[in-house]
Amino acid sequence: MGISTIDAGMLKNAFLAGAKGLEAKKDWINELNVFPVPDGDTGTNMTLTIMAAAREVAELENPTMDQLAKAISSGSLRGARGNSGVILSQLLRGFTKEIKAVEEIDTTILANAMVRGTETAYKAVMKPKEGTILTVAKAMADKGLEMASQTDDMEEFVKEVIEYGDYVLGQTPEMLPVLKQAGVVDSGGQGLMQVVKGAVDGLLGKTVDFSLDTVQDSRKTPAAGAGAVKGAARTDIDTSDIKFGYCTEFIINLEKDYTDKDEAELKSYLESIGDSLVVVSDDEIVKVHVHTNHPGLAFEKALAYGSLSRMKIDNMREEHQERVIQDSERLAKEQAAGEQAGKDQESGDEASSERREYGFIAVSSGEGLSDIFRGIGADCLIEGGQTMNPSTEDMLKAIDRVNAENIFILPNNKNIIMAAQQARDLTEDKNIIVIPSRTVPQGITALVNFMPDLGPEENTQTMTEEMGNVRTAQITYAVRTTNIDGIDIEEGDIMALGDHGMLAVGKSVDAVALDAMKEMLDEECELVTIYYGADVSEHEADTLRDQAQEQYPDKEIELQYGGQPIYYYLISAE
């Protein structure tokens, strides 16, 4: 007789088996990375994401469905790394919302949970692309709805869903030309299939090792703070410049259904009476932060949705006067400390006794790049970037270390932006602003263009616009033979990756770097900065700089030590 329902104990085993199924194939999934760079990390990111949840699940003894749902959702959200990991966490988040209130899952509930997971994940992605993990998830959800109307046999249900998922995964190269060029299916979609197949093995009682002892998170502890704190002093602003005087925070304990429409209505109203708005919704509560001149109106509106708790109102005009004095004392101490504080990597972890207006978090990889970020004002650095993406939890810990009202996060990698945004959405007591920097040079330019005289919204616009003027090339080597953008690449070739694709390929690091500059530079470009990595000597970097200066005598060519791994050079043009 087949299985018709899944209880909490069965789902726990299925989830742990799904996590192990992904972990066993993570290196293979990494190899499916479209670009043949030595940092293909989809499998690693998805594995670390689901293992964060699996550890919480494994600690539960005889869990209820609600306890299991919370462990899966919370663990994966906080452990999410990279775009693929964040999308996986959103799939799990939506799935668990559908099943948390039931004691057993039948095929109809399972199908509905798959649909809700897919819808949640699509909403989390600004510009969803078909031919990705989202496509595979949606295909399995659609098939699940079809099968739920035909059978209550769970084994038949999952068999058909997996077969269709595999079929659609095989079609992803036809949906994304870059996959077809590389001769691979979507790595995120393949990772999702490994999770589902592993979970089904666990559900059907196949031999599965449920222990998590073999899973290691090899990340180093995130880099500590960034030396002397820059910026944030607002001594030149009169209290009359503070448009909304009361920092108002509270929690709504929901007492009725709270729909997406309700959330949009609440946000719209609060935006009409204030700014610096942050609204984070969970299953039972809504956390609100807003700057307004009328806290009572915010409370009154919130009471329509439930009771209030943890209400806090701070007079920012009074705090500003105190901060002016304290900032002056702090700046005097920093000047006396000189460069010593900047050399002490741990000093940034010392939380300021008083909350500042602005703080800055940057993702960095390489001693030289970290020194640069410290020098231009980063309060806290997170170690990561190309070779290992920091998790949402890493971001949250960094946010905790920075005692500021408005915190700018510079991900400096396209695969870290979503984790930063997820951390933003999970933060309740600070205004988190993610500047979507896709490369380190973009992040440097964005931070340089921060102006303490401007407000958060104006700075966000200025920083984003200025970093958009930066062109970047990243020089590394190919780990396999493939074809990208119509260019044949052999394993071991030197490649220059640009903002929108391949710039150059060759056998010599210097030759490829110079070819990349030829593609990047035009008459409007005035400054070229070369950041040399850990595997390049100063003499080699000087030689490249001299060659570039000779070829482009009208450009200003700067050389900086980056110390980054994997990439011989990062080159920016602006």
Protein backbone atom coordinates (compact mmCIF):
# COMPACT_ATOMS: atom_id res chain seq x y z
CA MET A 1 0.00 0.00 0.00
CA GLY A 2 1.39 3.40 -0.93
CA ILE A 3 1.93 6.42 1.31
CA SER A 4 -1.01 8.83 1.35
CA THR A 5 0.11 11.33 4.02
CA ILE A 6 3.33 12.69 5.52
CA ASP A 7 3.54 13.45 9.25
CA ALA A 8 6.13 15.67 10.97
CA GLY A 9 8.51 12.80 11.71
CA MET A 10 8.49 11.67 8.10
CA LEU A 11 8.99 15.23 6.85
CA LYS A 12 11.93 15.71 9.22
CA ASN A 13 13.67 12.66 7.77
CA ALA A 14 12.80 13.71 4.23
CA PHE A 15 14.25 17.19 4.76
CA LEU A 16 17.48 15.89 6.28
CA ALA A 17 17.81 13.42 3.42
CA GLY A 18 17.24 16.23 0.92
CA ALA A 19 20.00 18.26 2.57
CA LYS A 20 22.38 15.31 2.42
CA GLY A 21 21.39 14.65 -1.19
CA LEU A 22 22.45 18.17 -2.13
CA GLU A 23 25.63 18.05 -0.04
CA ALA A 24 26.74 14.86 -1.78
CA LYS A 25 26.55 16.54 -5.20
CA LYS A 26 27.69 20.07 -4.36
CA ASP A 27 31.06 19.84 -6.15
CA TRP A 28 29.40 18.49 -9.29
CA ILE A 29 26.85 21.34 -9.18
CA ASN A 30 29.70 23.83 -8.77
CA GLU A 31 31.14 22.51 -12.03
CA LEU A 32 27.94 23.51 -13.83
CA ASN A 33 28.75 27.18 -13.28
CA VAL A 34 28.35 28.90 -16.66
CA PHE A 35 31.57 30.88 -16.48
CA PRO A 36 34.60 28.59 -16.18
CA VAL A 37 36.09 30.65 -13.34
CA PRO A 38 37.68 29.01 -10.29
CA ASP A 39 34.90 30.24 -8.01
CA GLY A 40 31.86 28.31 -9.24
CA ASP A 41 29.91 28.15 -5.99
CA THR A 42 26.22 27.41 -6.60
CA GLY A 43 26.47 23.95 -5.06
CA THR A 44 28.43 25.27 -2.08
CA ASN A 45 26.04 28.17 -1.48
CA MET A 46 22.92 26.01 -1.68
CA THR A 47 24.48 23.34 0.54
CA LEU A 48 25.53 25.79 3.26
CA THR A 49 22.05 27.35 3.10
CA ILE A 50 20.13 24.13 3.56
CA MET A 51 22.60 22.75 6.11
CA ALA A 52 22.01 25.77 8.34
CA ALA A 53 18.36 24.69 8.43
CA ALA A 54 19.20 21.00 8.68
CA ARG A 55 21.19 21.56 11.87
CA GLU A 56 18.17 23.22 13.49
CA VAL A 57 15.89 20.45 12.26
CA ALA A 58 18.22 17.70 13.52
CA GLU A 59 18.06 19.11 17.05
CA LEU A 60 14.27 18.69 17.21
CA GLU A 61 13.03 15.53 18.88
CA ASN A 62 9.52 14.41 17.93
CA PRO A 63 8.71 17.82 16.42
CA THR A 64 5.29 19.14 15.55
CA MET A 65 4.74 20.35 12.01
CA ASP A 66 4.78 23.94 13.26
CA GLN A 67 8.13 23.49 15.06
CA LEU A 68 9.58 21.83 11.99
CA ALA A 69 8.34 24.60 9.70
CA LYS A 70 9.87 27.29 11.90
CA ALA A 71 13.24 25.51 12.05
CA ILE A 72 13.39 25.06 8.27
CA SER A 73 12.32 28.62 7.51
CA SER A 74 14.44 30.38 10.13
CA GLY A 75 17.54 28.26 9.56
CA SER A 76 17.53 28.63 5.78
CA LEU A 77 16.77 32.36 5.85
CA ARG A 78 19.67 33.13 8.16
CA GLY A 79 22.02 30.66 6.53
CA ALA A 80 21.30 31.78 2.96
CA ARG A 81 24.39 32.47 0.83
CA GLY A 82 24.53 33.71 -2.72
CA ASN A 83 21.60 34.21 -5.06
CA SER A 84 20.94 30.48 -5.35
CA GLY A 85 20.95 30.06 -1.58
CA VAL A 86 18.60 33.00 -1.04
CA ILE A 87 16.17 31.66 -3.66
CA LEU A 88 16.30 28.21 -2.04
CA SER A 89 15.56 29.79 1.35
CA GLN A 90 12.56 31.61 -0.13
CA LEU A 91 11.25 28.39 -1.70
CA LEU A 92 11.48 26.75 1.73
CA ARG A 93 9.96 29.76 3.47
CA GLY A 94 6.87 29.73 1.28
CA PHE A 95 6.59 25.94 1.48
CA THR A 96 6.65 25.94 5.29
CA LYS A 97 4.03 28.69 5.54
CA GLU A 98 1.58 26.37 3.82
CA ILE A 99 2.25 23.27 5.93
CA LYS A 100 2.86 24.71 9.42
CA ALA A 101 -0.78 24.53 10.56
CA VAL A 102 -1.49 20.92 9.57
CA GLU A 103 -0.69 17.66 11.31
CA GLU A 104 -0.30 15.64 8.12
CA ILE A 105 0.43 16.53 4.50
CA ASP A 106 -1.55 14.94 1.68
CA THR A 107 -0.94 15.41 -2.03
CA THR A 108 -3.20 18.49 -2.20
CA ILE A 109 -1.43 20.24 0.68
CA LEU A 110 1.96 19.27 -0.76
CA ALA A 111 1.04 20.70 -4.15
CA ASN A 112 -0.25 23.92 -2.59
CA ALA A 113 2.94 24.23 -0.52
CA MET A 114 5.06 23.87 -3.64
CA VAL A 115 3.04 26.59 -5.37
CA ARG A 116 3.36 28.93 -2.40
CA GLY A 117 7.09 28.31 -2.21
CA THR A 118 7.47 29.15 -5.89
CA GLU A 119 5.39 32.32 -5.59
CA THR A 120 7.45 33.46 -2.59
CA ALA A 121 10.72 32.89 -4.43
CA TYR A 122 9.57 34.73 -7.56
CA LYS A 123 8.60 37.74 -5.44
CA ALA A 124 12.06 37.82 -3.87
CA VAL A 125 13.79 38.23 -7.23
CA MET A 126 13.65 41.70 -8.79
CA LYS A 127 13.89 40.50 -12.38
CA PRO A 128 13.16 36.77 -12.55
CA LYS A 129 14.72 34.91 -15.48
CA GLU A 130 13.32 31.78 -17.00
CA GLY A 131 15.72 28.89 -17.46
CA THR A 132 16.82 29.06 -13.82
CA ILE A 133 16.01 27.39 -10.50
CA LEU A 134 12.77 29.39 -10.49
CA THR A 135 11.64 27.76 -13.73
CA VAL A 136 12.35 24.27 -12.39
CA ALA A 137 10.53 25.02 -9.14
CA LYS A 138 7.49 26.39 -10.96
CA ALA A 139 7.38 23.40 -13.29
CA MET A 140 7.33 20.96 -10.38
CA ALA A 141 4.67 23.01 -8.60
CA ASP A 142 2.46 23.05 -11.71
CA LYS A 143 2.90 19.30 -12.11
CA GLY A 144 2.10 18.86 -8.43
CA LEU A 145 -1.23 20.64 -8.84
CA GLU A 146 -2.04 18.44 -11.80
CA MET A 147 -1.14 15.24 -9.94
CA ALA A 148 -3.03 16.25 -6.77
CA SER A 149 -6.26 16.23 -8.76
CA GLN A 150 -5.50 12.72 -10.01
CA THR A 151 -4.08 10.75 -7.09
CA ASP A 152 -3.69 10.60 -3.33
CA ASP A 153 -0.77 8.16 -3.61
CA MET A 154 2.29 10.12 -2.47
CA GLU A 155 4.73 7.80 -4.22
CA GLU A 156 3.00 8.22 -7.57
CA PHE A 157 2.78 11.99 -6.97
CA VAL A 158 6.48 12.53 -6.29
CA LYS A 159 7.57 10.21 -9.10
CA GLU A 160 5.69 12.27 -11.69
CA VAL A 161 6.84 15.57 -10.20
CA ILE A 162 10.50 14.54 -10.30
CA GLU A 163 10.28 13.24 -13.84
CA TYR A 164 8.77 16.53 -15.01
CA GLY A 165 11.29 18.55 -13.03
CA ASP A 166 14.13 16.68 -14.72
CA TYR A 167 12.55 17.28 -18.11
CA VAL A 168 12.23 21.05 -17.59
CA LEU A 169 15.76 21.20 -16.16
CA GLY A 170 16.96 19.60 -19.38
CA GLN A 171 15.21 22.38 -21.32
CA THR A 172 16.92 25.24 -19.48
CA PRO A 173 19.71 25.54 -22.10
CA GLU A 174 16.99 26.30 -24.66
CA MET A 175 15.68 29.11 -22.45
CA LEU A 176 19.03 30.75 -21.62
CA PRO A 177 21.50 31.00 -24.51
CA VAL A 178 24.43 31.33 -22.10
CA LEU A 179 23.64 27.84 -20.76
CA LYS A 180 23.52 26.44 -24.29
CA GLN A 181 26.85 28.06 -25.15
CA ALA A 182 28.46 26.51 -22.10
CA GLY A 183 26.80 23.14 -22.69
CA VAL A 184 25.29 22.88 -19.20
CA VAL A 185 21.90 22.93 -17.50
CA ASP A 186 21.14 25.55 -14.85
CA SER A 187 23.19 24.79 -11.75
CA GLY A 188 20.58 26.14 -9.32
CA GLY A 189 17.88 24.04 -10.93
CA GLN A 190 20.12 20.99 -10.70
CA GLY A 191 20.71 21.73 -7.03
CA LEU A 192 16.98 21.94 -6.38
CA MET A 193 16.45 18.58 -8.09
CA GLN A 194 19.08 17.02 -5.82
CA VAL A 195 17.24 18.32 -2.76
CA VAL A 196 13.92 16.93 -3.97
CA LYS A 197 15.37 13.56 -4.99
CA GLY A 198 17.16 13.19 -1.67
CA ALA A 199 13.99 14.11 0.21
CA VAL A 200 11.99 11.51 -1.71
CA ASP A 201 14.61 8.85 -0.93
CA GLY A 202 14.21 9.67 2.75
CA LEU A 203 10.43 9.67 2.49
CA LEU A 204 10.30 6.28 0.81
CA GLY A 205 12.61 4.69 3.35
CA LYS A 206 15.66 4.24 1.15
CA THR A 207 18.97 3.94 2.97
CA VAL A 208 20.01 7.47 3.88
CA ASP A 209 22.64 8.74 6.33
CA PHE A 210 20.80 11.39 8.34
CA SER A 211 23.86 12.49 10.33
CA LEU A 212 25.29 15.93 9.62
CA ASP A 213 28.77 15.24 10.97
CA THR A 214 30.40 15.26 7.55
CA VAL A 215 29.15 18.71 6.68
CA GLN A 216 31.68 21.43 7.39
CA ASP A 217 31.36 25.15 6.94
CA SER A 218 34.92 26.02 5.97
CA ARG A 219 34.38 29.75 6.11
CA LYS A 220 36.69 31.74 8.29
CA THR A 221 35.12 33.96 10.90
CA PRO A 222 33.93 37.14 9.17
CA ALA A 223 36.48 39.88 9.23
CA ALA A 224 36.19 42.13 12.18
CA GLY A 225 35.45 45.79 12.04
CA ALA A 226 37.31 48.26 9.97
CA GLY A 227 39.58 50.36 12.05
CA ALA A 228 38.75 54.01 12.63
CA VAL A 229 35.14 54.87 11.92
CA LYS A 230 34.75 57.57 9.29
CA GLY A 231 31.92 59.93 8.56
CA ALA A 232 28.65 60.12 10.49
CA ALA A 233 29.50 63.42 12.21
CA ARG A 234 26.62 65.83 11.59
CA THR A 235 27.95 68.92 13.33
CA ASP A 236 27.10 71.11 10.37
CA ILE A 237 23.38 70.34 10.46
CA ASP A 238 20.99 72.41 12.53
CA THR A 239 18.18 70.58 14.31
CA SER A 240 15.73 72.45 12.09
CA ASP A 241 17.03 70.33 9.20
CA ILE A 242 15.59 67.19 10.80
CA LYS A 243 12.31 66.93 8.93
CA PHE A 244 10.73 64.22 11.10
CA GLY A 245 11.70 64.54 14.73
CA TYR A 246 10.60 61.30 16.40
CA CYS A 247 12.17 57.90 15.78
CA THR A 248 9.19 55.62 16.40
CA GLU A 249 9.41 51.85 16.78
CA PHE A 250 6.84 49.25 17.81
CA ILE A 251 5.64 45.71 17.22
CA ILE A 252 2.12 44.84 16.09
CA ASN A 253 0.88 41.57 17.57
CA LEU A 254 -1.45 40.52 14.79
CA GLU A 255 -4.99 39.67 15.86
CA LYS A 256 -6.52 39.13 12.43
CA ASP A 257 -5.48 38.12 8.93
CA TYR A 258 -2.73 40.36 7.61
CA THR A 259 -2.61 40.24 3.82
CA ASP A 260 -0.20 41.69 1.29
CA LYS A 261 -2.83 44.37 0.66
CA ASP A 262 -2.88 45.24 4.36
CA GLU A 263 0.92 45.53 4.40
CA ALA A 264 0.91 47.78 1.34
CA GLU A 265 -1.78 49.97 2.93
CA LEU A 266 0.14 50.25 6.20
CA LYS A 267 3.38 51.16 4.41
CA SER A 268 1.62 53.72 2.25
CA TYR A 269 0.08 55.44 5.27
CA LEU A 270 3.31 55.50 7.27
CA GLU A 271 5.19 56.91 4.27
CA SER A 272 2.62 59.72 4.12
CA ILE A 273 3.45 60.82 7.68
CA GLY A 274 7.19 60.11 7.83
CA ASP A 275 10.29 58.59 6.26
CA SER A 276 13.08 56.05 6.99
CA LEU A 277 10.36 53.43 6.98
CA VAL A 278 11.10 49.77 7.69
CA VAL A 279 8.24 47.27 7.99
CA VAL A 280 9.12 43.60 8.53
CA SER A 281 6.29 41.06 8.67
CA ASP A 282 6.38 37.59 10.14
CA ASP A 283 3.64 35.06 10.78
CA GLU A 284 2.37 36.61 14.02
CA ILE A 285 3.99 40.04 14.31
CA VAL A 286 4.86 43.12 12.30
CA LYS A 287 7.90 45.18 13.30
CA VAL A 288 7.70 48.88 12.39
CA HIS A 289 10.33 51.62 12.37
CA VAL A 290 9.47 55.10 11.12
CA HIS A 291 10.64 58.70 11.55
CA THR A 292 7.59 60.93 12.00
CA ASN A 293 6.35 64.07 13.70
CA HIS A 294 3.19 62.26 14.81
CA PRO A 295 3.95 58.97 16.59
CA GLY A 296 0.38 58.81 17.85
CA LEU A 297 -0.97 58.60 14.31
CA ALA A 298 1.38 55.69 13.55
CA PHE A 299 0.19 53.89 16.70
CA GLU A 300 -3.46 54.55 15.89
CA LYS A 301 -3.12 53.12 12.38
CA ALA A 302 -1.27 50.07 13.68
CA LEU A 303 -3.98 49.31 16.25
CA ALA A 304 -6.28 48.43 13.36
CA TYR A 305 -4.25 45.26 12.88
CA GLY A 306 -3.68 44.17 16.49
CA SER A 307 -2.25 45.08 19.86
CA LEU A 308 1.04 46.96 20.23
CA SER A 309 4.16 46.15 22.23
CA ARG A 310 7.77 47.34 22.59
CA MET A 311 6.76 50.87 21.71
CA LYS A 312 9.68 53.32 21.70
CA ILE A 313 9.85 57.00 20.77
CA ASP A 314 13.13 58.93 20.63
CA ASN A 315 13.38 62.69 20.10
CA MET A 316 16.02 62.89 17.39
CA ARG A 317 16.47 66.65 17.72
CA GLU A 318 17.57 66.28 21.35
CA GLU A 319 19.75 63.32 20.42
CA HIS A 320 21.31 65.36 17.64
CA GLN A 321 22.58 68.01 20.04
CA GLU A 322 24.13 65.34 22.24
CA ARG A 323 25.63 63.62 19.21
CA VAL A 324 27.31 66.85 18.04
CA ILE A 325 29.23 67.00 21.29
CA GLN A 326 30.02 63.30 21.31
CA ASP A 327 31.11 63.31 17.66
CA SER A 328 33.51 66.15 18.36
CA GLU A 329 35.02 64.20 21.26
CA ARG A 330 35.21 61.05 19.13
CA LEU A 331 36.91 62.82 16.23
CA ALA A 332 39.48 64.33 18.58
CA LYS A 333 40.27 60.89 19.97
CA GLU A 334 40.56 59.43 16.46
CA GLN A 335 42.97 62.12 15.37
CA ALA A 336 45.09 61.48 18.47
CA ALA A 337 45.07 57.76 17.79
CA GLY A 338 46.46 58.37 14.29
CA GLU A 339 46.97 55.36 12.08
CA GLN A 340 47.20 52.82 14.90
CA ALA A 341 43.47 52.25 15.04
CA GLY A 342 43.34 51.68 11.31
CA LYS A 343 45.84 48.83 11.61
CA ASP A 344 43.88 47.06 14.33
CA GLN A 345 41.32 44.98 12.54
CA GLU A 346 39.43 44.22 15.71
CA SER A 347 38.85 47.85 16.64
CA GLY A 348 35.78 48.17 14.46
CA ASP A 349 33.97 45.65 16.67
CA GLU A 350 33.95 48.05 19.57
CA ALA A 351 30.43 49.33 19.43
CA SER A 352 30.07 53.08 19.77
CA SER A 353 28.40 54.00 23.05
CA GLU A 354 26.12 56.34 21.15
CA ARG A 355 24.15 55.60 18.05
CA ARG A 356 25.47 57.44 15.02
CA GLU A 357 23.58 58.68 12.00
CA TYR A 358 25.44 56.56 9.44
CA GLY A 359 27.39 53.33 9.33
CA PHE A 360 28.97 51.29 6.52
CA ILE A 361 29.48 47.57 5.92
CA ALA A 362 31.51 46.28 2.98
CA VAL A 363 32.26 42.79 1.72
CA SER A 364 35.96 42.46 0.96
CA SER A 365 38.47 39.78 0.09
CA GLY A 366 42.16 40.62 0.28
CA GLU A 367 44.27 42.55 2.74
CA GLY A 368 44.86 45.50 0.44
CA LEU A 369 41.23 45.91 -0.54
CA SER A 370 40.21 45.74 3.11
CA ASP A 371 42.70 48.49 3.97
CA ILE A 372 41.23 50.64 1.20
CA PHE A 373 37.69 50.19 2.51
CA ARG A 374 38.80 51.02 6.04
CA GLY A 375 40.57 54.12 4.79
CA ILE A 376 37.46 55.51 3.07
CA GLY A 377 35.13 54.93 5.99
CA ALA A 378 33.89 51.33 6.25
CA ASP A 379 32.95 50.53 9.85
CA CYS A 380 32.82 46.77 9.43
CA LEU A 381 34.20 44.36 6.84
CA ILE A 382 32.78 40.94 6.02
CA GLU A 383 35.26 38.51 4.56
CA GLY A 384 33.91 37.06 1.34
CA GLY A 385 33.40 37.87 -2.28
CA GLN A 386 34.35 35.68 -5.19
CA THR A 387 35.57 32.56 -3.44
CA MET A 388 32.99 32.34 -0.66
CA ASN A 389 29.76 34.28 -0.34
CA PRO A 390 28.83 35.45 3.17
CA SER A 391 25.48 34.34 4.53
CA THR A 392 22.50 36.36 5.62
CA GLU A 393 23.53 35.53 9.19
CA ASP A 394 27.00 37.01 8.55
CA MET A 395 25.29 40.18 7.38
CA LEU A 396 23.04 40.29 10.44
CA LYS A 397 26.01 39.91 12.78
CA ALA A 398 27.80 42.77 11.03
CA ILE A 399 24.68 44.92 11.31
CA ASP A 400 24.60 44.22 15.05
CA ARG A 401 28.21 45.42 15.37
CA VAL A 402 27.55 48.78 13.73
CA ASN A 403 25.75 51.15 16.09
CA ALA A 404 24.16 53.47 13.55
CA GLU A 405 20.66 54.54 12.58
CA ASN A 406 21.24 54.16 8.82
CA ILE A 407 23.62 51.45 7.64
CA PHE A 408 24.78 51.15 4.04
CA ILE A 409 25.81 47.67 2.90
CA LEU A 410 28.14 47.28 -0.09
CA PRO A 411 27.97 43.63 -1.27
CA ASN A 412 30.57 44.20 -4.04
CA ASN A 413 29.49 41.03 -5.82
CA LYS A 414 26.31 40.31 -7.77
CA ASN A 415 25.93 36.97 -5.97
CA ILE A 416 25.84 38.62 -2.52
CA ILE A 417 23.24 41.34 -3.16
CA MET A 418 20.24 39.12 -2.39
CA ALA A 419 21.72 37.91 0.92
CA ALA A 420 22.27 41.55 1.90
CA GLN A 421 18.69 42.40 0.96
CA GLN A 422 17.42 39.47 2.99
CA ALA A 423 19.41 40.69 6.01
CA ARG A 424 17.88 44.11 5.47
CA ASP A 425 14.38 42.66 5.56
CA LEU A 426 15.14 40.74 8.76
CA THR A 427 16.54 43.78 10.60
CA GLU A 428 14.04 45.48 12.87
CA ASP A 429 15.82 48.31 14.67
CA LYS A 430 17.99 49.96 12.00
CA ASN A 431 17.43 51.39 8.53
CA ILE A 432 19.47 49.13 6.24
CA ILE A 433 20.26 50.38 2.74
CA VAL A 434 21.77 47.95 0.25
CA ILE A 435 23.78 49.66 -2.46
CA PRO A 436 23.80 47.01 -5.24
CA SER A 437 27.52 47.12 -6.01
CA ARG A 438 28.44 44.16 -8.23
CA THR A 439 32.23 44.58 -8.05
CA VAL A 440 34.79 45.88 -5.56
CA PRO A 441 35.64 48.98 -7.69
CA GLN A 442 31.95 49.86 -7.77
CA GLY A 443 31.80 49.57 -3.99
CA ILE A 444 34.85 51.77 -3.54
CA THR A 445 33.40 54.45 -5.82
CA ALA A 446 30.04 54.32 -4.07
CA LEU A 447 31.57 54.78 -0.62
CA VAL A 448 33.87 57.58 -1.80
CA ASN A 449 30.80 59.46 -3.03
CA PHE A 450 28.93 59.29 0.28
CA MET A 451 28.18 62.82 1.49
CA PRO A 452 27.46 63.29 5.22
CA ASP A 453 25.47 66.44 4.45
CA LEU A 454 22.87 64.47 2.49
CA GLY A 455 20.06 62.28 3.80
CA PRO A 456 19.83 58.50 3.33
CA GLU A 457 17.66 58.66 0.23
CA GLU A 458 19.81 61.30 -1.49
CA ASN A 459 23.00 59.40 -0.66
CA THR A 460 21.50 56.19 -1.97
CA GLN A 461 20.73 57.85 -5.29
CA THR A 462 24.12 59.56 -5.55
CA MET A 463 26.15 56.47 -4.59
CA THR A 464 24.20 54.26 -6.96
CA GLU A 465 24.51 56.70 -9.86
CA GLU A 466 28.25 57.23 -9.36
CA MET A 467 29.10 53.54 -9.18
CA GLY A 468 27.17 53.11 -12.43
CA ASN A 469 29.92 55.10 -14.14
CA VAL A 470 32.55 52.49 -13.21
CA ARG A 471 33.58 49.78 -15.67
CA THR A 472 35.31 46.72 -14.28
CA ALA A 473 37.48 43.91 -15.61
CA GLN A 474 38.45 40.88 -13.54
CA ILE A 475 41.45 38.86 -14.72
CA THR A 476 41.51 35.17 -13.78
CA TYR A 477 42.01 31.71 -15.32
CA ALA A 478 39.66 29.12 -16.82
CA VAL A 479 39.03 25.88 -14.96
CA ARG A 480 37.51 24.08 -17.94
CA THR A 481 37.17 24.22 -21.71
CA THR A 482 34.01 25.89 -22.99
CA ASN A 483 32.62 28.63 -25.24
CA ILE A 484 31.32 31.92 -23.82
CA ASP A 485 29.94 34.80 -25.87
CA GLY A 486 31.18 33.06 -29.00
CA ILE A 487 34.74 32.89 -27.64
CA ASP A 488 36.48 29.51 -27.43
CA ILE A 489 38.13 29.03 -24.03
CA GLU A 490 40.53 26.26 -23.07
CA GLU A 491 41.25 25.09 -19.57
CA GLY A 492 44.13 27.17 -18.18
CA ASP A 493 43.48 30.18 -20.43
CA ILE A 494 43.60 33.66 -18.94
CA MET A 495 40.24 35.46 -19.08
CA ALA A 496 39.05 39.02 -18.53
CA LEU A 497 35.46 39.15 -17.29
CA GLY A 498 33.68 42.46 -17.80
CA ASP A 499 30.47 43.87 -16.37
CA HIS A 500 28.41 42.29 -19.11
CA GLY A 501 30.43 39.32 -20.32
CA MET A 502 33.80 38.22 -21.59
CA LEU A 503 36.24 40.98 -22.60
CA ALA A 504 39.33 39.01 -23.63
CA VAL A 505 40.94 35.55 -23.56
CA GLY A 506 44.59 34.61 -24.05
CA LYS A 507 47.65 32.87 -22.65
CA SER A 508 49.35 35.82 -20.93
CA VAL A 509 48.03 37.68 -17.89
CA ASP A 510 49.46 41.03 -19.00
CA ALA A 511 48.30 40.66 -22.59
CA VAL A 512 44.75 39.82 -21.52
CA ALA A 513 44.72 42.71 -19.04
CA LEU A 514 45.81 45.15 -21.76
CA ASP A 515 43.26 43.73 -24.20
CA ALA A 516 40.58 44.22 -21.55
CA MET A 517 41.56 47.86 -21.15
CA LYS A 518 41.29 48.32 -24.88
CA GLU A 519 37.68 47.13 -24.67
CA MET A 520 36.89 49.24 -21.60
CA LEU A 521 38.47 52.61 -22.29
CA ASP A 522 37.04 55.41 -24.38
CA GLU A 523 37.60 59.16 -24.67
CA GLU A 524 35.44 59.92 -21.62
CA CYS A 525 37.48 57.69 -19.35
CA GLU A 526 39.99 59.64 -17.28
CA LEU A 527 41.12 57.33 -14.47
CA VAL A 528 42.19 53.68 -14.58
CA THR A 529 42.92 51.87 -11.32
CA ILE A 530 44.67 48.49 -11.26
CA TYR A 531 44.30 46.39 -8.08
CA TYR A 532 46.80 43.54 -8.11
CA GLY A 533 46.10 40.28 -6.33
CA ALA A 534 47.83 37.91 -3.95
CA ASP A 535 49.44 35.92 -6.79
CA VAL A 536 51.03 38.95 -8.48
CA SER A 537 54.31 40.52 -7.35
CA GLU A 538 54.73 44.26 -7.01
CA HIS A 539 57.30 44.19 -9.81
CA GLU A 540 54.87 42.42 -12.16
CA ALA A 541 52.15 44.92 -11.29
CA ASP A 542 54.51 47.86 -11.91
CA THR A 543 55.35 46.42 -15.32
CA LEU A 544 51.67 46.19 -16.28
CA ARG A 545 51.04 49.72 -15.06
CA ASP A 546 53.98 51.04 -17.13
CA GLN A 547 52.72 49.22 -20.23
CA ALA A 548 49.23 50.63 -19.73
CA GLN A 549 50.56 54.16 -19.21
CA GLU A 550 52.61 53.90 -22.39
CA GLN A 551 49.57 52.80 -24.40
CA TYR A 552 47.26 55.38 -22.82
CA PRO A 553 49.37 58.48 -22.07
CA ASP A 554 46.27 60.67 -21.73
CA LYS A 555 44.83 58.55 -18.91
CA GLU A 556 45.75 58.59 -15.25
CA ILE A 557 46.85 55.04 -14.36
CA GLU A 558 46.87 54.20 -10.64
CA LEU A 559 48.22 51.02 -9.06
CA GLN A 560 46.90 49.65 -5.75
CA TYR A 561 47.65 46.48 -3.81
CA GLY A 562 44.45 44.47 -3.48
CA GLY A 563 45.71 41.13 -2.27
CA GLN A 564 42.59 39.38 -3.55
CA PRO A 565 42.74 35.62 -4.23
CA ILE A 566 41.79 33.95 -7.53
CA TYR A 567 41.86 37.18 -9.55
CA TYR A 568 45.26 38.40 -10.76
CA TYR A 569 43.95 41.90 -11.35
CA LEU A 570 40.81 43.93 -10.81
CA ILE A 571 40.78 46.88 -13.20
CA SER A 572 38.40 49.80 -12.99
CA ALA A 573 37.84 52.63 -15.45
CA GLU A 574 35.85 55.78 -14.77
